[in-house]
Each structure stands twice: as structure tokens, then as C-alpha cells.
Amino acid sequence: MSSILAIISMKKEQIAGGAPIFYADSIGEQQSIAFKLEKILDATAHDLKNGTMIIIKHA
């Protein structure tokens, strides 16, 4: 089973939930945050192609 560890989004008005949420002002900032979290959490970043990326830990 996989778990969502974090959400990185450029759309503050569309994101809510139980995982930690990080907001970015640009695609570059979003990717930078996602890739850093990916390494720190030993997880995988997935781009949902709608202004949101999620960090998933695959079991």
C-alpha cells in the first residue's frame, strides 16, 4: 500500500487534506521543493499535471 506524504501545489484554493501541503509560486519552485522532499523522505514525486505534485511512499 502507498501513502501520500506531502502535496506541493501552485493552487492554494484547490488543495486541502491531511497530508502536509507546500505552496509554490512557480513551476521551478514546485519542482525544487518536490525533489528535495523526495530525497529527504526517500519517496517518489509524481506530477499530476494540474499544478500539483504529490510525494508518495510506495510500500
C-alpha atoms as a PDB file:
ATOM      1  CA  MET A   1       0.000   0.000   0.000  1.00  0.00           C
ATOM      2  CA  SER A   2       1.220   3.515  -0.791  1.00  0.00           C
ATOM      3  CA  SER A   3       0.922   6.669   1.301  1.00  0.00           C
ATOM      4  CA  ILE A   4       0.813  10.322   0.321  1.00  0.00           C
ATOM      5  CA  LEU A   5       3.488  12.042   2.404  1.00  0.00           C
ATOM      6  CA  ALA A   6       3.213  15.592   1.025  1.00  0.00           C
ATOM      7  CA  ILE A   7       1.461  17.770  -1.540  1.00  0.00           C
ATOM      8  CA  ILE A   8       3.145  20.601  -3.443  1.00  0.00           C
ATOM      9  CA  SER A   9       0.772  22.915  -5.277  1.00  0.00           C
ATOM     10  CA  MET A  10       0.514  26.255  -7.027  1.00  0.00           C
ATOM     11  CA  LYS A  11      -3.271  26.351  -6.458  1.00  0.00           C
ATOM     12  CA  LYS A  12      -3.982  27.322  -2.850  1.00  0.00           C
ATOM     13  CA  GLU A  13      -7.742  27.488  -3.401  1.00  0.00           C
ATOM     14  CA  GLN A  14      -7.990  23.885  -4.663  1.00  0.00           C
ATOM     15  CA  ILE A  15      -5.918  21.926  -2.138  1.00  0.00           C
ATOM     16  CA  ALA A  16      -6.934  20.640   1.289  1.00  0.00           C
ATOM     17  CA  GLY A  17      -6.372  17.447   3.206  1.00  0.00           C
ATOM     18  CA  GLY A  18      -4.471  15.582   5.871  1.00  0.00           C
ATOM     19  CA  ALA A  19      -1.001  15.473   4.287  1.00  0.00           C
ATOM     20  CA  PRO A  20       1.440  18.364   4.710  1.00  0.00           C
ATOM     21  CA  ILE A  21       0.853  20.934   1.960  1.00  0.00           C
ATOM     22  CA  PHE A  22       3.578  23.135   0.472  1.00  0.00           C
ATOM     23  CA  TYR A  23       2.671  26.043  -1.801  1.00  0.00           C
ATOM     24  CA  ALA A  24       4.874  27.232  -4.656  1.00  0.00           C
ATOM     25  CA  ASP A  25       4.729  30.381  -6.783  1.00  0.00           C
ATOM     26  CA  SER A  26       6.227  28.846  -9.930  1.00  0.00           C
ATOM     27  CA  ILE A  27       6.830  25.507 -11.621  1.00  0.00           C
ATOM     28  CA  GLY A  28      10.540  25.788 -10.874  1.00  0.00           C
ATOM     29  CA  GLU A  29       9.922  26.341  -7.169  1.00  0.00           C
ATOM     30  CA  GLN A  30       7.404  23.488  -7.121  1.00  0.00           C
ATOM     31  CA  GLN A  31       9.891  21.077  -8.702  1.00  0.00           C
ATOM     32  CA  SER A  32      12.661  22.176  -6.362  1.00  0.00           C
ATOM     33  CA  ILE A  33      10.503  21.561  -3.273  1.00  0.00           C
ATOM     34  CA  ALA A  34       9.265  18.221  -4.622  1.00  0.00           C
ATOM     35  CA  PHE A  35      12.705  16.889  -5.474  1.00  0.00           C
ATOM     36  CA  LYS A  36      14.132  17.924  -2.097  1.00  0.00           C
ATOM     37  CA  LEU A  37      11.257  16.234  -0.257  1.00  0.00           C
ATOM     38  CA  GLU A  38      11.651  13.188  -2.487  1.00  0.00           C
ATOM     39  CA  LYS A  39      15.257  12.743  -1.338  1.00  0.00           C
ATOM     40  CA  ILE A  40      14.652  13.628   2.325  1.00  0.00           C
ATOM     41  CA  LEU A  41      11.667  11.264   2.656  1.00  0.00           C
ATOM     42  CA  ASP A  42      13.111   8.503   0.435  1.00  0.00           C
ATOM     43  CA  ALA A  43       9.934   8.633  -1.630  1.00  0.00           C
ATOM     44  CA  THR A  44       8.781   9.354  -5.185  1.00  0.00           C
ATOM     45  CA  ALA A  45       7.452  12.608  -6.645  1.00  0.00           C
ATOM     46  CA  HIS A  46       4.523  12.399  -9.046  1.00  0.00           C
ATOM     47  CA  ASP A  47       3.338  15.335 -11.176  1.00  0.00           C
ATOM     48  CA  LEU A  48      -0.443  15.345 -11.536  1.00  0.00           C
ATOM     49  CA  LYS A  49      -0.148  17.833 -14.450  1.00  0.00           C
ATOM     50  CA  ASN A  50      -2.703  20.199 -12.912  1.00  0.00           C
ATOM     51  CA  GLY A  51      -0.387  22.424 -10.901  1.00  0.00           C
ATOM     52  CA  THR A  52       0.025  19.838  -8.160  1.00  0.00           C
ATOM     53  CA  MET A  53       2.701  17.298  -7.313  1.00  0.00           C
ATOM     54  CA  ILE A  54       2.462  14.623  -4.641  1.00  0.00           C
ATOM     55  CA  ILE A  55       5.165  12.761  -2.738  1.00  0.00           C
ATOM     56  CA  ILE A  56       4.333   9.058  -2.399  1.00  0.00           C
ATOM     57  CA  LYS A  57       5.987   6.376  -0.292  1.00  0.00           C
ATOM     58  CA  HIS A  58       5.458   3.051  -2.039  1.00  0.00           C
ATOM     59  CA  ALA A  59       5.362   0.026   0.237  1.00  0.00           C
END
